[in-house]
Amino acid sequence: MIISIASGKGGTGKTTVATNLAVSLGDGVQLLDCDVEEPNAHLFIHPVFEKTEIVSTAVPEVDETKCNLCGKCGEICQFKAIIVIGKTVLPFQELCHSCGGCMEVCPEHAIREGERVLGEIEVGHRNGLEFIHGRLRIGEAMAPPLIRKVRFFAHPDKVMIIDAPPGTSCPVIAAMKGADFVLLVTEPTPFGLHDLKLAVGAVRILGIPCGLVINRSDMGDDRLREYAGAEGIPILMEIPFDRKIAEFYSRGELLVDVMPEWREKFLQLYERIVELVKPE
């Protein structure tokens, strides 16, 4: 079972839901923090890290002593990551998508494969919960390859909870693709509803069933619930606005640890997801 926790916008409580759900389920669960630009699930899980791995991607390096300046490398590159200007070949490694096309078409074999560091992955645990997160290198724009590498650590025999990046761009798709269920965390505000609609559109393109968690559910109005009803999207949990919850969050404390009654609610949330994914 792969459950991706996503949201159309940041600040809705996505990480709160992902961490509390994972800890509630406990042993035999993996929590993957794929919000690699700003990973913060570890602040609540407090894992013991056992392994760190540097992640790189292939980029072109040019041997100008072999290059005949034919320009075929630039012609094949759809991202303008390598161009010929005058008597110089300029590779822009930050734009490279690592397809290798420039190396394939170079008639002089003047282009070789180099490496660009994308970031790092850390693997650890909290008791029986396995925790993996990625941390994108500062200034790096290519998050999807690092997210895919984080997901490479997935174990097919475990329940996997993915804390996806916010929004609906390429990194989010990389974190949701292949999931059995997408749990969208939202809030009953005009911005929350607007961005939820974008997220639902992305999930439906991928063909993945989804449900909602409404955070700060006693604020705003009922337009979000009306939208969910009209679209046939089940509301699986509501978390009210509570100063105590905000205080626990600010101290990096899990809701299920300090308010044990919420552990049962998150277990019920998981049971409802299982029913939706595998109906009797």
C-alpha atoms as a PDB file:
ATOM      1  CA  MET A   1       0.000   0.000   0.000  1.00  0.00           C
ATOM      2  CA  ILE A   2       1.419   3.348  -1.086  1.00  0.00           C
ATOM      3  CA  ILE A   3      -0.304   6.455   0.270  1.00  0.00           C
ATOM      4  CA  SER A   4       0.890   9.822  -0.985  1.00  0.00           C
ATOM      5  CA  ILE A   5       0.014  12.795   1.227  1.00  0.00           C
ATOM      6  CA  ALA A   6      -0.266  15.884  -0.960  1.00  0.00           C
ATOM      7  CA  SER A   7      -1.738  19.378  -1.050  1.00  0.00           C
ATOM      8  CA  GLY A   8      -2.385  22.046  -3.623  1.00  0.00           C
ATOM      9  CA  LYS A   9      -0.559  24.630  -1.513  1.00  0.00           C
ATOM     10  CA  GLY A  10       1.914  24.798   1.329  1.00  0.00           C
ATOM     11  CA  GLY A  11       0.965  25.266   4.959  1.00  0.00           C
ATOM     12  CA  THR A  12      -2.159  23.106   4.977  1.00  0.00           C
ATOM     13  CA  GLY A  13      -0.818  20.521   7.448  1.00  0.00           C
ATOM     14  CA  LYS A  14       0.384  17.885   4.996  1.00  0.00           C
ATOM     15  CA  THR A  15       3.441  16.925   7.047  1.00  0.00           C
ATOM     16  CA  THR A  16       1.342  16.842  10.227  1.00  0.00           C
ATOM     17  CA  VAL A  17      -0.945  14.256   8.647  1.00  0.00           C
ATOM     18  CA  ALA A  18       1.899  12.223   7.107  1.00  0.00           C
ATOM     19  CA  THR A  19       3.970  11.973  10.301  1.00  0.00           C
ATOM     20  CA  ASN A  20       1.066  11.253  12.633  1.00  0.00           C
ATOM     21  CA  LEU A  21      -0.373   8.628  10.298  1.00  0.00           C
ATOM     22  CA  ALA A  22       2.988   6.892   9.932  1.00  0.00           C
ATOM     23  CA  VAL A  23       3.693   6.830  13.679  1.00  0.00           C
ATOM     24  CA  SER A  24       0.163   5.614  14.421  1.00  0.00           C
ATOM     25  CA  LEU A  25       0.666   2.642  12.114  1.00  0.00           C
ATOM     26  CA  GLY A  26       4.118   1.978  13.620  1.00  0.00           C
ATOM     27  CA  ASP A  27       6.056  -1.189  12.808  1.00  0.00           C
ATOM     28  CA  GLY A  28       6.337  -2.278   9.195  1.00  0.00           C
ATOM     29  CA  VAL A  29       5.806   1.248   7.843  1.00  0.00           C
ATOM     30  CA  GLN A  30       8.067   3.465   5.753  1.00  0.00           C
ATOM     31  CA  LEU A  31       7.788   7.249   5.846  1.00  0.00           C
ATOM     32  CA  LEU A  32       9.376   8.891   2.810  1.00  0.00           C
ATOM     33  CA  ASP A  33       9.758  12.662   2.956  1.00  0.00           C
ATOM     34  CA  CYS A  34       9.825  13.614  -0.728  1.00  0.00           C
ATOM     35  CA  ASP A  35       9.480  17.331  -0.093  1.00  0.00           C
ATOM     36  CA  VAL A  36      13.175  17.498  -0.916  1.00  0.00           C
ATOM     37  CA  GLU A  37      13.393  21.288  -1.191  1.00  0.00           C
ATOM     38  CA  GLU A  38      12.226  21.773   2.392  1.00  0.00           C
ATOM     39  CA  PRO A  39      12.133  18.403   4.198  1.00  0.00           C
ATOM     40  CA  ASN A  40      10.847  18.787   7.745  1.00  0.00           C
ATOM     41  CA  ALA A  41       9.229  15.478   8.700  1.00  0.00           C
ATOM     42  CA  HIS A  42      12.407  14.583  10.600  1.00  0.00           C
ATOM     43  CA  LEU A  43      11.727  17.449  13.013  1.00  0.00           C
ATOM     44  CA  PHE A  44       8.714  15.491  14.289  1.00  0.00           C
ATOM     45  CA  ILE A  45       9.953  11.920  13.821  1.00  0.00           C
ATOM     46  CA  HIS A  46      13.387  12.484  15.433  1.00  0.00           C
ATOM     47  CA  PRO A  47      14.874   9.463  13.632  1.00  0.00           C
ATOM     48  CA  VAL A  48      18.224   7.835  14.281  1.00  0.00           C
ATOM     49  CA  PHE A  49      20.028   8.122  10.935  1.00  0.00           C
ATOM     50  CA  GLU A  50      22.138   5.164   9.861  1.00  0.00           C
ATOM     51  CA  LYS A  51      23.049   5.905   6.247  1.00  0.00           C
ATOM     52  CA  THR A  52      23.729   8.919   4.020  1.00  0.00           C
ATOM     53  CA  GLU A  53      24.004   8.695   0.240  1.00  0.00           C
ATOM     54  CA  ILE A  54      25.042  11.431  -2.184  1.00  0.00           C
ATOM     55  CA  VAL A  55      22.855  11.542  -5.312  1.00  0.00           C
ATOM     56  CA  SER A  56      24.233  12.771  -8.628  1.00  0.00           C
ATOM     57  CA  THR A  57      22.969  13.026 -12.185  1.00  0.00           C
ATOM     58  CA  ALA A  58      24.786  12.688 -15.501  1.00  0.00           C
ATOM     59  CA  VAL A  59      25.772  15.890 -17.340  1.00  0.00           C
ATOM     60  CA  PRO A  60      27.881  16.530 -20.447  1.00  0.00           C
ATOM     61  CA  GLU A  61      31.550  17.431 -20.333  1.00  0.00           C
ATOM     62  CA  VAL A  62      33.199  18.511 -23.588  1.00  0.00           C
ATOM     63  CA  ASP A  63      36.723  17.692 -24.784  1.00  0.00           C
ATOM     64  CA  GLU A  64      37.316  20.726 -26.969  1.00  0.00           C
ATOM     65  CA  THR A  65      40.430  19.148 -28.498  1.00  0.00           C
ATOM     66  CA  LYS A  66      38.118  16.640 -30.242  1.00  0.00           C
ATOM     67  CA  CYS A  67      35.134  18.907 -30.944  1.00  0.00           C
ATOM     68  CA  ASN A  68      34.646  20.093 -34.557  1.00  0.00           C
ATOM     69  CA  LEU A  69      31.931  22.620 -33.575  1.00  0.00           C
ATOM     70  CA  CYS A  70      29.299  20.908 -35.755  1.00  0.00           C
ATOM     71  CA  GLY A  71      26.511  21.913 -33.356  1.00  0.00           C
ATOM     72  CA  LYS A  72      24.633  18.605 -33.464  1.00  0.00           C
ATOM     73  CA  CYS A  73      24.666  18.418 -29.664  1.00  0.00           C
ATOM     74  CA  GLY A  74      22.812  21.713 -29.435  1.00  0.00           C
ATOM     75  CA  GLU A  75      20.318  20.722 -32.126  1.00  0.00           C
ATOM     76  CA  ILE A  76      19.152  17.613 -30.258  1.00  0.00           C
ATOM     77  CA  CYS A  77      18.906  19.248 -26.827  1.00  0.00           C
ATOM     78  CA  GLN A  78      15.352  20.448 -26.202  1.00  0.00           C
ATOM     79  CA  PHE A  79      16.389  22.305 -23.051  1.00  0.00           C
ATOM     80  CA  LYS A  80      19.261  24.328 -24.565  1.00  0.00           C
ATOM     81  CA  ALA A  81      21.621  22.775 -22.043  1.00  0.00           C
ATOM     82  CA  ILE A  82      24.493  22.748 -24.552  1.00  0.00           C
ATOM     83  CA  ILE A  83      25.129  25.220 -27.366  1.00  0.00           C
ATOM     84  CA  VAL A  84      27.891  26.223 -29.780  1.00  0.00           C
ATOM     85  CA  ILE A  85      28.843  29.896 -29.725  1.00  0.00           C
ATOM     86  CA  GLY A  86      31.586  30.908 -32.124  1.00  0.00           C
ATOM     87  CA  LYS A  87      34.478  28.559 -31.496  1.00  0.00           C
ATOM     88  CA  THR A  88      33.279  27.433 -28.061  1.00  0.00           C
ATOM     89  CA  VAL A  89      30.894  24.756 -26.812  1.00  0.00           C
ATOM     90  CA  LEU A  90      29.032  25.805 -23.678  1.00  0.00           C
ATOM     91  CA  PRO A  91      27.292  23.151 -21.563  1.00  0.00           C
ATOM     92  CA  PHE A  92      24.777  24.551 -19.037  1.00  0.00           C
ATOM     93  CA  GLN A  93      24.717  21.687 -16.580  1.00  0.00           C
ATOM     94  CA  GLU A  94      21.923  23.166 -14.451  1.00  0.00           C
ATOM     95  CA  LEU A  95      19.571  22.903 -17.460  1.00  0.00           C
ATOM     96  CA  CYS A  96      20.557  19.340 -18.359  1.00  0.00           C
ATOM     97  CA  HIS A  97      17.919  16.591 -18.017  1.00  0.00           C
ATOM     98  CA  SER A  98      20.522  13.814 -18.316  1.00  0.00           C
ATOM     99  CA  CYS A  99      19.060  12.192 -21.444  1.00  0.00           C
ATOM    100  CA  GLY A 100      22.489  11.532 -22.993  1.00  0.00           C
ATOM    101  CA  GLY A 101      21.348  12.630 -26.445  1.00  0.00           C
ATOM    102  CA  CYS A 102      24.277  14.999 -26.969  1.00  0.00           C
ATOM    103  CA  MET A 103      26.743  12.166 -26.396  1.00  0.00           C
ATOM    104  CA  GLU A 104      24.894   9.897 -28.821  1.00  0.00           C
ATOM    105  CA  VAL A 105      24.910  12.339 -31.744  1.00  0.00           C
ATOM    106  CA  CYS A 106      28.446  13.700 -31.338  1.00  0.00           C
ATOM    107  CA  PRO A 107      30.351  12.410 -34.414  1.00  0.00           C
ATOM    108  CA  GLU A 108      33.741  13.042 -32.813  1.00  0.00           C
ATOM    109  CA  HIS A 109      32.917  11.437 -29.434  1.00  0.00           C
ATOM    110  CA  ALA A 110      33.978  14.708 -27.863  1.00  0.00           C
ATOM    111  CA  ILE A 111      31.318  14.629 -25.159  1.00  0.00           C
ATOM    112  CA  ARG A 112      31.728  12.416 -22.113  1.00  0.00           C
ATOM    113  CA  GLU A 113      29.514  11.836 -19.116  1.00  0.00           C
ATOM    114  CA  GLY A 114      30.238  13.922 -16.045  1.00  0.00           C
ATOM    115  CA  GLU A 115      28.323  14.281 -12.789  1.00  0.00           C
ATOM    116  CA  ARG A 116      26.409  16.997 -10.996  1.00  0.00           C
ATOM    117  CA  VAL A 117      25.468  16.518  -7.356  1.00  0.00           C
ATOM    118  CA  LEU A 118      21.712  16.878  -6.810  1.00  0.00           C
ATOM    119  CA  GLY A 119      21.624  16.387  -3.060  1.00  0.00           C
ATOM    120  CA  GLU A 120      21.667  13.652  -0.477  1.00  0.00           C
ATOM    121  CA  ILE A 121      19.458  10.966   1.012  1.00  0.00           C
ATOM    122  CA  GLU A 122      19.410   9.972   4.670  1.00  0.00           C
ATOM    123  CA  VAL A 123      17.987   6.694   5.929  1.00  0.00           C
ATOM    124  CA  GLY A 124      17.098   6.060   9.552  1.00  0.00           C
ATOM    125  CA  HIS A 125      14.438   4.757  11.894  1.00  0.00           C
ATOM    126  CA  ARG A 126      12.231   5.570  14.826  1.00  0.00           C
ATOM    127  CA  ASN A 127      11.710   2.274  16.629  1.00  0.00           C
ATOM    128  CA  GLY A 128       9.998   0.068  13.993  1.00  0.00           C
ATOM    129  CA  LEU A 129       9.263   2.954  11.607  1.00  0.00           C
ATOM    130  CA  GLU A 130      11.713   3.312   8.710  1.00  0.00           C
ATOM    131  CA  PHE A 131      12.369   6.914   7.669  1.00  0.00           C
ATOM    132  CA  ILE A 132      13.932   8.159   4.424  1.00  0.00           C
ATOM    133  CA  HIS A 133      14.230  11.718   3.215  1.00  0.00           C
ATOM    134  CA  GLY A 134      16.016  13.621   0.479  1.00  0.00           C
ATOM    135  CA  ARG A 135      17.670  17.002   0.782  1.00  0.00           C
ATOM    136  CA  LEU A 136      18.127  18.940  -2.465  1.00  0.00           C
ATOM    137  CA  ARG A 137      21.405  20.827  -2.892  1.00  0.00           C
ATOM    138  CA  ILE A 138      20.973  24.559  -2.397  1.00  0.00           C
ATOM    139  CA  GLY A 139      20.502  26.218  -5.777  1.00  0.00           C
ATOM    140  CA  GLU A 140      19.572  22.958  -7.513  1.00  0.00           C
ATOM    141  CA  ALA A 141      16.338  22.999  -9.537  1.00  0.00           C
ATOM    142  CA  MET A 142      16.028  19.337 -10.539  1.00  0.00           C
ATOM    143  CA  ALA A 143      14.002  17.826  -7.713  1.00  0.00           C
ATOM    144  CA  PRO A 144      12.300  14.884  -9.541  1.00  0.00           C
ATOM    145  CA  PRO A 145      15.468  12.741  -9.956  1.00  0.00           C
ATOM    146  CA  LEU A 146      16.173  13.041  -6.225  1.00  0.00           C
ATOM    147  CA  ILE A 147      12.540  12.218  -5.382  1.00  0.00           C
ATOM    148  CA  ARG A 148      12.721   9.121  -7.577  1.00  0.00           C
ATOM    149  CA  LYS A 149      15.883   8.092  -5.755  1.00  0.00           C
ATOM    150  CA  VAL A 150      14.132   8.475  -2.388  1.00  0.00           C
ATOM    151  CA  ARG A 151      11.341   6.246  -3.675  1.00  0.00           C
ATOM    152  CA  PHE A 152      13.923   3.705  -4.816  1.00  0.00           C
ATOM    153  CA  PHE A 153      14.225   2.736  -1.136  1.00  0.00           C
ATOM    154  CA  ALA A 154      10.575   1.655  -1.023  1.00  0.00           C
ATOM    155  CA  HIS A 155       9.947  -1.868   0.214  1.00  0.00           C
ATOM    156  CA  PRO A 156       7.007  -3.635  -1.502  1.00  0.00           C
ATOM    157  CA  ASP A 157       6.046  -5.535   1.665  1.00  0.00           C
ATOM    158  CA  LYS A 158       5.624  -2.393   3.781  1.00  0.00           C
ATOM    159  CA  VAL A 159       3.006   0.309   4.017  1.00  0.00           C
ATOM    160  CA  MET A 160       4.587   3.396   2.490  1.00  0.00           C
ATOM    161  CA  ILE A 161       3.570   6.912   3.486  1.00  0.00           C
ATOM    162  CA  ILE A 162       4.927   9.610   1.146  1.00  0.00           C
ATOM    163  CA  ASP A 163       5.072  13.226   2.247  1.00  0.00           C
ATOM    164  CA  ALA A 164       4.856  14.914  -1.168  1.00  0.00           C
ATOM    165  CA  PRO A 165       5.926  18.469  -2.026  1.00  0.00           C
ATOM    166  CA  PRO A 166       3.151  21.076  -2.097  1.00  0.00           C
ATOM    167  CA  GLY A 167       1.621  22.283  -5.349  1.00  0.00           C
ATOM    168  CA  THR A 168       0.987  20.499  -8.645  1.00  0.00           C
ATOM    169  CA  SER A 169       4.324  20.755 -10.491  1.00  0.00           C
ATOM    170  CA  CYS A 170       6.743  18.038 -11.651  1.00  0.00           C
ATOM    171  CA  PRO A 171       8.112  17.194  -8.154  1.00  0.00           C
ATOM    172  CA  VAL A 172       4.559  16.533  -6.922  1.00  0.00           C
ATOM    173  CA  ILE A 173       3.837  14.223  -9.850  1.00  0.00           C
ATOM    174  CA  ALA A 174       7.069  12.328  -9.124  1.00  0.00           C
ATOM    175  CA  ALA A 175       5.917  11.823  -5.519  1.00  0.00           C
ATOM    176  CA  MET A 176       2.341  10.786  -6.412  1.00  0.00           C
ATOM    177  CA  LYS A 177       2.930   8.623  -9.484  1.00  0.00           C
ATOM    178  CA  GLY A 178       2.342   4.940  -8.788  1.00  0.00           C
ATOM    179  CA  ALA A 179       0.598   5.522  -5.451  1.00  0.00           C
ATOM    180  CA  ASP A 180      -2.451   3.456  -4.523  1.00  0.00           C
ATOM    181  CA  PHE A 181      -4.163   6.447  -2.924  1.00  0.00           C
ATOM    182  CA  VAL A 182      -3.589  10.211  -2.664  1.00  0.00           C
ATOM    183  CA  LEU A 183      -4.687  11.895   0.535  1.00  0.00           C
ATOM    184  CA  LEU A 184      -5.131  15.606  -0.143  1.00  0.00           C
ATOM    185  CA  VAL A 185      -4.786  17.897   2.859  1.00  0.00           C
ATOM    186  CA  THR A 186      -6.622  21.177   2.507  1.00  0.00           C
ATOM    187  CA  GLU A 187      -8.252  23.995   4.457  1.00  0.00           C
ATOM    188  CA  PRO A 188     -11.676  25.684   4.088  1.00  0.00           C
ATOM    189  CA  THR A 189     -10.410  28.985   2.686  1.00  0.00           C
ATOM    190  CA  PRO A 190     -10.671  30.526  -0.810  1.00  0.00           C
ATOM    191  CA  PHE A 191      -6.971  29.828  -1.439  1.00  0.00           C
ATOM    192  CA  GLY A 192      -7.327  26.300  -0.081  1.00  0.00           C
ATOM    193  CA  LEU A 193     -10.266  25.549  -2.371  1.00  0.00           C
ATOM    194  CA  HIS A 194      -8.614  27.087  -5.434  1.00  0.00           C
ATOM    195  CA  ASP A 195      -5.411  25.072  -5.034  1.00  0.00           C
ATOM    196  CA  LEU A 196      -7.315  21.915  -4.078  1.00  0.00           C
ATOM    197  CA  LYS A 197      -9.068  22.019  -7.448  1.00  0.00           C
ATOM    198  CA  LEU A 198      -5.669  22.103  -9.177  1.00  0.00           C
ATOM    199  CA  ALA A 199      -4.451  19.171  -7.084  1.00  0.00           C
ATOM    200  CA  VAL A 200      -7.573  17.120  -7.801  1.00  0.00           C
ATOM    201  CA  GLY A 201      -7.063  17.745 -11.520  1.00  0.00           C
ATOM    202  CA  ALA A 202      -3.505  16.412 -11.317  1.00  0.00           C
ATOM    203  CA  VAL A 203      -4.558  13.329  -9.335  1.00  0.00           C
ATOM    204  CA  ARG A 204      -7.310  12.517 -11.815  1.00  0.00           C
ATOM    205  CA  ILE A 205      -4.929  12.770 -14.752  1.00  0.00           C
ATOM    206  CA  LEU A 206      -2.823  10.123 -12.992  1.00  0.00           C
ATOM    207  CA  GLY A 207      -5.932   8.019 -12.390  1.00  0.00           C
ATOM    208  CA  ILE A 208      -5.366   7.605  -8.645  1.00  0.00           C
ATOM    209  CA  PRO A 209      -8.255   7.513  -6.131  1.00  0.00           C
ATOM    210  CA  CYS A 210      -8.185  10.320  -3.585  1.00  0.00           C
ATOM    211  CA  GLY A 211      -9.791  11.627  -0.415  1.00  0.00           C
ATOM    212  CA  LEU A 212      -9.573  14.724   1.744  1.00  0.00           C
ATOM    213  CA  VAL A 213      -8.363  15.742   5.157  1.00  0.00           C
ATOM    214  CA  ILE A 214      -9.678  19.171   6.108  1.00  0.00           C
ATOM    215  CA  ASN A 215      -7.352  20.933   8.504  1.00  0.00           C
ATOM    216  CA  ARG A 216      -8.576  23.862  10.612  1.00  0.00           C
ATOM    217  CA  SER A 217     -11.987  22.557   9.648  1.00  0.00           C
ATOM    218  CA  ASP A 218     -14.040  24.863  11.872  1.00  0.00           C
ATOM    219  CA  MET A 219     -12.797  27.997  10.096  1.00  0.00           C
ATOM    220  CA  GLY A 220     -13.832  29.442   6.741  1.00  0.00           C
ATOM    221  CA  ASP A 221     -17.056  28.393   5.044  1.00  0.00           C
ATOM    222  CA  ASP A 222     -18.740  25.348   3.483  1.00  0.00           C
ATOM    223  CA  ARG A 223     -17.707  25.887  -0.135  1.00  0.00           C
ATOM    224  CA  LEU A 224     -14.943  23.301   0.157  1.00  0.00           C
ATOM    225  CA  ARG A 225     -17.368  20.653   1.450  1.00  0.00           C
ATOM    226  CA  GLU A 226     -19.827  21.542  -1.289  1.00  0.00           C
ATOM    227  CA  TYR A 227     -17.094  21.085  -3.880  1.00  0.00           C
ATOM    228  CA  ALA A 228     -16.072  17.716  -2.414  1.00  0.00           C
ATOM    229  CA  GLY A 229     -19.687  16.543  -2.462  1.00  0.00           C
ATOM    230  CA  ALA A 230     -20.222  17.654  -6.038  1.00  0.00           C
ATOM    231  CA  GLU A 231     -17.034  15.936  -7.179  1.00  0.00           C
ATOM    232  CA  GLY A 232     -17.646  12.753  -5.203  1.00  0.00           C
ATOM    233  CA  ILE A 233     -14.457  13.134  -3.153  1.00  0.00           C
ATOM    234  CA  PRO A 234     -14.775  11.601   0.332  1.00  0.00           C
ATOM    235  CA  ILE A 235     -13.825  13.673   3.373  1.00  0.00           C
ATOM    236  CA  LEU A 236     -11.925  11.174   5.511  1.00  0.00           C
ATOM    237  CA  MET A 237     -10.869  13.330   8.465  1.00  0.00           C
ATOM    238  CA  GLU A 238     -11.369  16.811   9.865  1.00  0.00           C
ATOM    239  CA  ILE A 239      -8.885  18.459  12.227  1.00  0.00           C
ATOM    240  CA  PRO A 240     -10.293  21.498  14.055  1.00  0.00           C
ATOM    241  CA  PHE A 241      -8.406  24.693  14.731  1.00  0.00           C
ATOM    242  CA  ASP A 242      -6.993  24.222  18.228  1.00  0.00           C
ATOM    243  CA  ARG A 243      -4.366  26.364  19.917  1.00  0.00           C
ATOM    244  CA  LYS A 244      -2.982  23.300  21.712  1.00  0.00           C
ATOM    245  CA  ILE A 245      -2.381  21.529  18.395  1.00  0.00           C
ATOM    246  CA  ALA A 246      -0.543  24.594  17.075  1.00  0.00           C
ATOM    247  CA  GLU A 247       1.609  24.738  20.211  1.00  0.00           C
ATOM    248  CA  PHE A 248       2.533  21.046  19.923  1.00  0.00           C
ATOM    249  CA  TYR A 249       3.431  21.575  16.266  1.00  0.00           C
ATOM    250  CA  SER A 250       5.648  24.567  17.073  1.00  0.00           C
ATOM    251  CA  ARG A 251       7.613  22.377  19.513  1.00  0.00           C
ATOM    252  CA  GLY A 252       8.023  19.519  17.043  1.00  0.00           C
ATOM    253  CA  GLU A 253       5.691  17.223  18.988  1.00  0.00           C
ATOM    254  CA  LEU A 254       3.426  14.672  17.340  1.00  0.00           C
ATOM    255  CA  LEU A 255      -0.285  14.977  17.926  1.00  0.00           C
ATOM    256  CA  VAL A 256      -0.656  11.233  18.534  1.00  0.00           C
ATOM    257  CA  ASP A 257       2.026  11.350  21.249  1.00  0.00           C
ATOM    258  CA  VAL A 258       0.620  14.235  23.277  1.00  0.00           C
ATOM    259  CA  MET A 259      -3.092  13.628  22.593  1.00  0.00           C
ATOM    260  CA  PRO A 260      -3.401   9.816  22.454  1.00  0.00           C
ATOM    261  CA  GLU A 261      -7.061   9.924  21.377  1.00  0.00           C
ATOM    262  CA  TRP A 262      -5.844  11.090  17.971  1.00  0.00           C
ATOM    263  CA  ARG A 263      -3.918   7.859  17.417  1.00  0.00           C
ATOM    264  CA  GLU A 264      -7.194   5.977  17.089  1.00  0.00           C
ATOM    265  CA  LYS A 265      -8.498   8.631  14.687  1.00  0.00           C
ATOM    266  CA  PHE A 266      -5.477   8.213  12.430  1.00  0.00           C
ATOM    267  CA  LEU A 267      -5.854   4.437  12.542  1.00  0.00           C
ATOM    268  CA  GLN A 268      -9.466   4.874  11.482  1.00  0.00           C
ATOM    269  CA  LEU A 269      -8.284   7.143   8.675  1.00  0.00           C
ATOM    270  CA  TYR A 270      -6.011   4.381   7.407  1.00  0.00           C
ATOM    271  CA  GLU A 271      -8.840   1.822   7.611  1.00  0.00           C
ATOM    272  CA  ARG A 272     -11.073   4.058   5.511  1.00  0.00           C
ATOM    273  CA  ILE A 273      -8.326   4.422   2.892  1.00  0.00           C
ATOM    274  CA  VAL A 274      -7.919   0.648   2.737  1.00  0.00           C
ATOM    275  CA  GLU A 275     -11.668   0.285   2.215  1.00  0.00           C
ATOM    276  CA  LEU A 276     -11.597   2.763  -0.647  1.00  0.00           C
ATOM    277  CA  VAL A 277      -8.582   1.162  -2.327  1.00  0.00           C
ATOM    278  CA  LYS A 278      -9.707  -2.456  -1.816  1.00  0.00           C
ATOM    279  CA  PRO A 279     -13.504  -2.458  -1.583  1.00  0.00           C
ATOM    280  CA  GLU A 280     -15.132  -5.685  -0.500  1.00  0.00           C
END
